[in-house]
């Protein structure tokens, strides 16, 4: 006879902490802040520990929580087909045109930075020439 191994569900404080972390992530940064404030009010070391964890895990300064960053609204993807060929062609053309505009804008910004750098360097060289002319000793003959 064969016996089927029975695996028990993991339990303990780590599982509870991971579930709590996922629950707070699903509700966003506001839930983390409320939990931290409640921790400070009830038992200050808990609030301090939550603050340290939020800073260490970069939850305090990120725009999105990890769960929300992986998903898109309504579960869709930008490149996913809608099923309508005309709309998909329009979307593809629009995205291509926007990419071209973004590339040309980035090129423009690069040229603008180069021109600004050149103007600043020319100004520096002009100022430097003026300073060296004043500092050169005159020879009296």
N, C-alpha and C. Protein backbone atom coordinates (compact mmCIF):
# COMPACT_ATOMS: atom_id res chain seq x y z
N UNK A 1 0.82 -1.17 0.00
CA UNK A 1 0.00 0.00 0.00
C UNK A 1 0.87 1.24 0.00
N UNK A 2 0.40 2.18 -0.74
CA UNK A 2 1.09 3.46 -0.79
C UNK A 2 0.40 4.45 0.11
N UNK A 3 1.19 5.22 0.76
CA UNK A 3 0.59 6.26 1.59
C UNK A 3 0.88 7.62 0.95
N UNK A 4 -0.11 8.42 0.91
CA UNK A 4 0.04 9.76 0.35
C UNK A 4 0.54 10.69 1.43
N UNK A 5 1.67 11.35 1.15
CA UNK A 5 2.16 12.26 2.19
C UNK A 5 1.21 13.43 2.37
N UNK A 6 0.97 13.76 3.57
CA UNK A 6 0.11 14.92 3.84
C UNK A 6 1.00 16.06 4.30
N UNK A 7 0.88 17.14 3.57
CA UNK A 7 1.66 18.32 3.89
C UNK A 7 0.78 19.27 4.66
N UNK A 8 1.27 19.69 5.77
CA UNK A 8 0.50 20.65 6.55
C UNK A 8 0.75 22.05 6.01
N UNK A 9 -0.23 22.88 6.11
CA UNK A 9 -0.10 24.26 5.69
C UNK A 9 0.88 24.96 6.62
N UNK A 10 1.79 25.74 6.06
CA UNK A 10 2.72 26.45 6.93
C UNK A 10 1.95 27.44 7.80
N UNK A 11 2.37 27.54 9.01
CA UNK A 11 1.72 28.46 9.93
C UNK A 11 2.79 29.09 10.80
N UNK A 12 2.38 30.01 11.57
CA UNK A 12 3.33 30.68 12.46
C UNK A 12 3.37 32.17 12.18
N UNK A 13 4.24 32.85 12.88
CA UNK A 13 4.28 34.31 12.77
C UNK A 13 4.72 34.80 11.39
N UNK A 14 5.62 34.08 10.71
CA UNK A 14 6.07 34.54 9.39
C UNK A 14 4.94 34.52 8.37
N UNK A 15 4.12 33.48 8.41
CA UNK A 15 3.00 33.40 7.48
C UNK A 15 2.01 34.52 7.77
N UNK A 16 1.76 34.76 9.04
CA UNK A 16 0.83 35.83 9.42
C UNK A 16 1.38 37.19 8.98
N UNK A 17 2.69 37.38 9.15
CA UNK A 17 3.29 38.66 8.73
C UNK A 17 3.23 38.83 7.21
N UNK A 18 3.48 37.76 6.45
CA UNK A 18 3.42 37.85 4.98
C UNK A 18 1.98 38.14 4.51
N UNK A 19 1.01 37.51 5.16
CA UNK A 19 -0.39 37.78 4.79
C UNK A 19 -0.76 39.22 5.11
N UNK A 20 -0.31 39.71 6.25
CA UNK A 20 -0.60 41.10 6.63
C UNK A 20 0.07 42.06 5.66
N UNK A 21 1.30 41.77 5.27
CA UNK A 21 2.01 42.61 4.31
C UNK A 21 1.28 42.65 2.97
N UNK A 22 0.82 41.49 2.49
CA UNK A 22 0.08 41.44 1.22
C UNK A 22 -1.24 42.20 1.34
N UNK A 23 -1.91 42.07 2.49
CA UNK A 23 -3.18 42.77 2.69
C UNK A 23 -2.96 44.28 2.68
N UNK A 24 -1.90 44.77 3.34
CA UNK A 24 -1.62 46.20 3.35
C UNK A 24 -1.19 46.68 1.97
N UNK A 25 -0.40 45.86 1.25
CA UNK A 25 0.01 46.22 -0.11
C UNK A 25 -1.19 46.38 -1.03
N UNK A 26 -2.18 45.50 -0.86
CA UNK A 26 -3.37 45.55 -1.72
C UNK A 26 -4.15 46.84 -1.48
N UNK A 27 -4.04 47.42 -0.31
CA UNK A 27 -4.79 48.63 0.00
C UNK A 27 -4.00 49.90 -0.21
N UNK A 28 -2.69 49.79 -0.49
CA UNK A 28 -1.91 50.96 -0.85
C UNK A 28 -1.12 51.56 0.29
N UNK A 29 -0.45 52.66 -0.04
CA UNK A 29 0.44 53.33 0.91
C UNK A 29 -0.33 53.89 2.11
N UNK A 30 -1.56 54.32 1.87
CA UNK A 30 -2.36 54.86 2.97
C UNK A 30 -2.58 53.86 4.09
N UNK A 31 -2.79 52.60 3.71
CA UNK A 31 -2.98 51.55 4.73
C UNK A 31 -1.72 51.36 5.55
N UNK A 32 -0.57 51.44 4.90
CA UNK A 32 0.69 51.32 5.63
C UNK A 32 0.85 52.48 6.62
N UNK A 33 0.49 53.67 6.19
CA UNK A 33 0.63 54.84 7.06
C UNK A 33 -0.32 54.74 8.24
N UNK A 34 -1.57 54.31 8.00
CA UNK A 34 -2.53 54.14 9.08
C UNK A 34 -2.04 53.08 10.07
N UNK A 35 -1.50 51.97 9.56
CA UNK A 35 -0.97 50.92 10.44
C UNK A 35 0.19 51.45 11.27
N UNK A 36 1.05 52.27 10.66
CA UNK A 36 2.19 52.82 11.39
C UNK A 36 1.72 53.77 12.50
N UNK A 37 0.75 54.63 12.17
CA UNK A 37 0.24 55.57 13.18
C UNK A 37 -0.45 54.82 14.31
N UNK A 38 -1.24 53.80 13.95
CA UNK A 38 -1.88 52.98 14.99
C UNK A 38 -0.83 52.30 15.85
N UNK A 39 0.24 51.84 15.23
CA UNK A 39 1.32 51.23 16.00
C UNK A 39 1.96 52.21 16.95
N UNK A 40 2.17 53.46 16.53
CA UNK A 40 2.73 54.47 17.42
C UNK A 40 1.78 54.77 18.57
N UNK A 41 0.49 54.80 18.29
CA UNK A 41 -0.49 55.13 19.34
C UNK A 41 -0.60 53.99 20.35
N UNK A 42 -0.70 52.76 19.86
CA UNK A 42 -0.91 51.62 20.75
C UNK A 42 0.39 51.21 21.46
N UNK A 43 1.41 50.90 20.71
CA UNK A 43 2.69 50.48 21.29
C UNK A 43 3.77 51.11 20.43
N UNK A 44 4.46 52.13 20.93
CA UNK A 44 5.36 52.91 20.09
C UNK A 44 6.46 52.08 19.41
N UNK A 45 7.00 51.00 20.01
CA UNK A 45 8.01 50.24 19.27
C UNK A 45 7.45 49.58 18.00
N UNK A 46 6.17 49.23 18.00
CA UNK A 46 5.56 48.64 16.81
C UNK A 46 5.50 49.69 15.70
N UNK A 47 5.09 50.90 16.04
CA UNK A 47 5.06 51.98 15.05
C UNK A 47 6.44 52.28 14.52
N UNK A 48 7.42 52.28 15.39
CA UNK A 48 8.80 52.53 14.97
C UNK A 48 9.30 51.40 14.06
N UNK A 49 8.94 50.16 14.40
CA UNK A 49 9.34 49.03 13.56
C UNK A 49 8.68 49.12 12.19
N UNK A 50 7.41 49.50 12.14
CA UNK A 50 6.73 49.66 10.85
C UNK A 50 7.36 50.79 10.03
N UNK A 51 7.70 51.89 10.66
CA UNK A 51 8.35 52.99 9.95
C UNK A 51 9.69 52.54 9.38
N UNK A 52 10.48 51.83 10.19
CA UNK A 52 11.77 51.33 9.71
C UNK A 52 11.58 50.36 8.55
N UNK A 53 10.57 49.49 8.64
CA UNK A 53 10.32 48.53 7.55
C UNK A 53 9.88 49.26 6.28
N UNK A 54 9.04 50.26 6.43
CA UNK A 54 8.57 51.01 5.26
C UNK A 54 9.73 51.71 4.57
N UNK A 55 10.66 52.27 5.33
CA UNK A 55 11.82 52.93 4.74
C UNK A 55 12.76 51.90 4.13
N UNK A 56 13.02 50.82 4.84
CA UNK A 56 13.94 49.79 4.36
C UNK A 56 13.44 49.12 3.08
N UNK A 57 12.13 48.86 3.01
CA UNK A 57 11.57 48.18 1.84
C UNK A 57 11.18 49.15 0.73
N UNK A 58 11.46 50.43 0.92
CA UNK A 58 11.19 51.48 -0.06
C UNK A 58 9.69 51.69 -0.31
N UNK A 59 8.85 51.26 0.61
CA UNK A 59 7.42 51.47 0.47
C UNK A 59 7.05 52.93 0.74
N UNK A 60 7.85 53.60 1.54
CA UNK A 60 7.55 54.98 1.92
C UNK A 60 7.71 55.93 0.74
N UNK A 61 8.68 55.67 -0.13
CA UNK A 61 9.01 56.63 -1.17
C UNK A 61 8.61 56.21 -2.57
N UNK A 62 8.05 55.02 -2.73
CA UNK A 62 7.66 54.59 -4.07
C UNK A 62 6.27 55.08 -4.39
N UNK A 63 6.01 55.27 -5.67
CA UNK A 63 4.68 55.73 -6.09
C UNK A 63 3.66 54.62 -6.03
N UNK A 64 4.08 53.41 -6.34
CA UNK A 64 3.16 52.27 -6.36
C UNK A 64 3.66 51.19 -5.43
N UNK A 65 2.72 50.44 -4.89
CA UNK A 65 3.11 49.27 -4.13
C UNK A 65 3.46 48.18 -5.12
N UNK A 66 4.21 47.16 -4.71
CA UNK A 66 4.63 46.14 -5.67
C UNK A 66 3.47 45.43 -6.37
N UNK A 67 2.38 45.19 -5.70
CA UNK A 67 1.26 44.50 -6.34
C UNK A 67 0.63 45.38 -7.40
N UNK A 68 0.45 46.64 -7.12
CA UNK A 68 -0.17 47.54 -8.09
C UNK A 68 0.76 47.83 -9.26
N UNK A 69 2.06 47.80 -9.04
CA UNK A 69 3.01 48.09 -10.11
C UNK A 69 2.99 46.99 -11.17
N UNK A 70 2.64 45.76 -10.77
CA UNK A 70 2.67 44.65 -11.73
C UNK A 70 1.39 44.57 -12.56
N UNK A 71 0.33 45.18 -12.11
CA UNK A 71 -0.93 45.06 -12.84
C UNK A 71 -1.35 46.40 -13.42
N UNK A 72 -2.17 46.32 -14.45
CA UNK A 72 -2.71 47.51 -15.07
C UNK A 72 -4.18 47.64 -14.69
N UNK A 73 -4.73 48.84 -14.77
CA UNK A 73 -6.16 48.99 -14.48
C UNK A 73 -6.98 48.11 -15.42
N UNK A 74 -8.01 47.53 -14.92
CA UNK A 74 -8.93 46.68 -15.67
C UNK A 74 -8.25 45.41 -16.19
N UNK A 75 -7.05 45.11 -15.72
CA UNK A 75 -6.37 43.88 -16.08
C UNK A 75 -5.87 43.82 -17.50
N UNK A 76 -5.85 44.93 -18.23
CA UNK A 76 -5.43 44.91 -19.62
C UNK A 76 -3.97 45.24 -19.79
N UNK A 77 -3.49 45.04 -20.99
CA UNK A 77 -2.12 45.38 -21.33
C UNK A 77 -2.13 46.33 -22.51
N UNK A 78 -1.11 47.14 -22.65
CA UNK A 78 -1.06 48.09 -23.75
C UNK A 78 -0.99 47.38 -25.09
N UNK A 79 -0.20 46.32 -25.16
CA UNK A 79 0.00 45.63 -26.43
C UNK A 79 -0.99 44.48 -26.66
N UNK A 80 -1.90 44.26 -25.75
CA UNK A 80 -2.88 43.19 -25.90
C UNK A 80 -3.92 43.58 -26.95
N UNK A 81 -4.31 42.62 -27.76
CA UNK A 81 -5.28 42.89 -28.81
C UNK A 81 -6.67 43.07 -28.22
N UNK A 82 -7.40 44.01 -28.79
CA UNK A 82 -8.77 44.23 -28.33
C UNK A 82 -9.76 43.34 -29.06
N UNK A 83 -9.32 42.72 -30.15
CA UNK A 83 -10.22 41.89 -30.95
C UNK A 83 -10.77 42.64 -32.15
N UNK A 84 -10.64 43.95 -32.17
CA UNK A 84 -11.11 44.76 -33.28
C UNK A 84 -9.89 45.20 -34.08
N UNK A 85 -9.76 44.72 -35.31
CA UNK A 85 -8.56 45.00 -36.10
C UNK A 85 -8.41 46.48 -36.41
N UNK A 86 -9.50 47.16 -36.70
CA UNK A 86 -9.41 48.58 -37.03
C UNK A 86 -8.89 49.37 -35.83
N UNK A 87 -9.42 49.06 -34.66
CA UNK A 87 -8.97 49.76 -33.46
C UNK A 87 -7.52 49.42 -33.16
N UNK A 88 -7.14 48.16 -33.29
CA UNK A 88 -5.76 47.76 -33.04
C UNK A 88 -4.79 48.46 -33.99
N UNK A 89 -5.17 48.61 -35.26
CA UNK A 89 -4.33 49.32 -36.23
C UNK A 89 -4.21 50.79 -35.84
N UNK A 90 -5.32 51.39 -35.45
CA UNK A 90 -5.31 52.79 -35.01
C UNK A 90 -4.43 52.96 -33.78
N UNK A 91 -4.56 52.04 -32.81
CA UNK A 91 -3.77 52.11 -31.58
C UNK A 91 -2.28 51.96 -31.90
N UNK A 92 -1.95 51.02 -32.78
CA UNK A 92 -0.56 50.80 -33.14
C UNK A 92 0.03 52.04 -33.84
N UNK A 93 -0.74 52.63 -34.75
CA UNK A 93 -0.29 53.83 -35.46
C UNK A 93 -0.10 55.00 -34.49
N UNK A 94 -1.03 55.16 -33.56
CA UNK A 94 -0.95 56.24 -32.58
C UNK A 94 0.27 56.05 -31.68
N UNK A 95 0.49 54.83 -31.21
CA UNK A 95 1.64 54.57 -30.35
C UNK A 95 2.96 54.79 -31.11
N UNK A 96 3.00 54.41 -32.39
CA UNK A 96 4.19 54.64 -33.21
C UNK A 96 4.45 56.13 -33.37
N UNK A 97 3.38 56.89 -33.65
CA UNK A 97 3.51 58.34 -33.83
C UNK A 97 3.96 59.00 -32.52
N UNK A 98 3.39 58.58 -31.40
CA UNK A 98 3.80 59.14 -30.11
C UNK A 98 5.26 58.81 -29.79
N UNK A 99 5.70 57.60 -30.16
CA UNK A 99 7.10 57.23 -29.94
C UNK A 99 8.02 58.10 -30.78
N UNK A 100 7.62 58.37 -32.04
CA UNK A 100 8.42 59.24 -32.90
C UNK A 100 8.48 60.66 -32.32
N UNK A 101 7.35 61.15 -31.83
CA UNK A 101 7.33 62.48 -31.22
C UNK A 101 8.22 62.53 -29.99
N UNK A 102 8.17 61.47 -29.19
CA UNK A 102 9.01 61.44 -27.99
C UNK A 102 10.49 61.41 -28.37
N UNK A 103 10.84 60.63 -29.39
CA UNK A 103 12.24 60.57 -29.84
C UNK A 103 12.70 61.93 -30.37
N UNK A 104 11.85 62.59 -31.16
CA UNK A 104 12.26 63.89 -31.69
C UNK A 104 12.34 64.93 -30.57
N UNK A 105 11.48 64.84 -29.57
CA UNK A 105 11.54 65.75 -28.43
C UNK A 105 12.82 65.51 -27.63
N UNK A 106 13.19 64.23 -27.44
CA UNK A 106 14.43 63.93 -26.73
C UNK A 106 15.63 64.46 -27.50
N UNK A 107 15.61 64.36 -28.84
CA UNK A 107 16.68 64.93 -29.66
C UNK A 107 16.74 66.44 -29.49
N UNK A 108 15.57 67.09 -29.49
CA UNK A 108 15.50 68.54 -29.29
C UNK A 108 16.10 68.92 -27.94
N UNK A 109 15.74 68.17 -26.88
CA UNK A 109 16.28 68.47 -25.56
C UNK A 109 17.79 68.30 -25.54
N UNK A 110 18.30 67.29 -26.25
CA UNK A 110 19.74 67.09 -26.33
C UNK A 110 20.42 68.26 -27.00
N UNK A 111 19.84 68.73 -28.13
CA UNK A 111 20.42 69.90 -28.82
C UNK A 111 20.34 71.14 -27.93
N UNK A 112 19.26 71.28 -27.20
CA UNK A 112 19.10 72.43 -26.30
C UNK A 112 20.15 72.39 -25.20
N UNK A 113 20.39 71.21 -24.61
CA UNK A 113 21.42 71.08 -23.59
C UNK A 113 22.80 71.39 -24.15
N UNK A 114 23.07 70.87 -25.37
CA UNK A 114 24.36 71.14 -26.01
C UNK A 114 24.57 72.64 -26.24
N UNK A 115 23.53 73.33 -26.72
CA UNK A 115 23.63 74.77 -26.96
C UNK A 115 23.85 75.52 -25.65
N UNK A 116 23.16 75.10 -24.60
CA UNK A 116 23.32 75.76 -23.31
C UNK A 116 24.74 75.53 -22.78
N UNK A 117 25.23 74.29 -22.91
CA UNK A 117 26.59 74.00 -22.46
C UNK A 117 27.61 74.84 -23.23
N UNK A 118 27.42 74.96 -24.53
CA UNK A 118 28.34 75.73 -25.35
C UNK A 118 28.31 77.20 -24.94
N UNK A 119 27.10 77.73 -24.71
CA UNK A 119 26.98 79.14 -24.31
C UNK A 119 27.65 79.37 -22.96
N UNK A 120 27.45 78.44 -22.01
CA UNK A 120 28.08 78.59 -20.70
C UNK A 120 29.59 78.50 -20.82
N UNK A 121 30.09 77.57 -21.66
CA UNK A 121 31.54 77.46 -21.84
C UNK A 121 32.11 78.72 -22.49
N UNK A 122 31.41 79.24 -23.51
CA UNK A 122 31.87 80.46 -24.17
C UNK A 122 31.91 81.63 -23.18
N UNK A 123 30.90 81.70 -22.31
CA UNK A 123 30.87 82.75 -21.30
C UNK A 123 32.04 82.59 -20.33
N UNK A 124 32.31 81.35 -19.94
CA UNK A 124 33.44 81.08 -19.04
C UNK A 124 34.76 81.51 -19.68
N UNK A 125 34.93 81.15 -20.95
CA UNK A 125 36.17 81.50 -21.65
C UNK A 125 36.30 83.02 -21.79
N UNK A 126 35.19 83.71 -22.07
CA UNK A 126 35.23 85.17 -22.19
C UNK A 126 35.58 85.80 -20.84
N UNK A 127 34.99 85.30 -19.76
CA UNK A 127 35.31 85.81 -18.42
C UNK A 127 36.77 85.54 -18.07
N UNK A 128 37.25 84.38 -18.43
CA UNK A 128 38.63 83.99 -18.14
C UNK A 128 39.62 84.88 -18.90
N UNK A 129 39.30 85.17 -20.17
CA UNK A 129 40.16 86.05 -20.96
C UNK A 129 40.22 87.43 -20.33
N UNK A 130 39.07 87.92 -19.86
CA UNK A 130 39.03 89.23 -19.22
C UNK A 130 39.82 89.25 -17.94
N UNK A 131 39.79 88.18 -17.15
CA UNK A 131 40.54 88.11 -15.89
C UNK A 131 42.04 88.04 -16.15
N UNK A 132 42.48 87.29 -17.14
CA UNK A 132 43.91 87.15 -17.40
C UNK A 132 44.50 88.44 -17.96
N UNK A 133 43.71 89.20 -18.68
CA UNK A 133 44.21 90.48 -19.23
C UNK A 133 44.47 91.45 -18.08
N UNK A 134 43.66 91.43 -17.06
CA UNK A 134 43.83 92.33 -15.94
C UNK A 134 45.02 91.91 -15.09
N UNK A 135 45.27 90.61 -14.95
CA UNK A 135 46.30 90.10 -14.06
C UNK A 135 47.70 90.13 -14.68
N UNK A 136 47.83 90.24 -15.98
CA UNK A 136 49.15 90.23 -16.63
C UNK A 136 49.89 91.51 -16.24
N UNK A 137 51.13 91.35 -15.81
CA UNK A 137 51.92 92.55 -15.45
C UNK A 137 52.31 93.35 -16.70
N UNK A 138 52.33 94.64 -16.53
CA UNK A 138 52.74 95.51 -17.64
C UNK A 138 54.24 95.68 -17.61
N UNK A 139 54.82 95.72 -18.75
CA UNK A 139 56.27 95.94 -18.80
C UNK A 139 56.50 97.42 -19.18
N UNK A 140 57.18 98.13 -18.33
CA UNK A 140 57.50 99.55 -18.60
C UNK A 140 58.85 99.62 -19.31
N UNK A 141 58.89 100.22 -20.48
CA UNK A 141 60.14 100.32 -21.21
C UNK A 141 60.65 101.71 -21.21
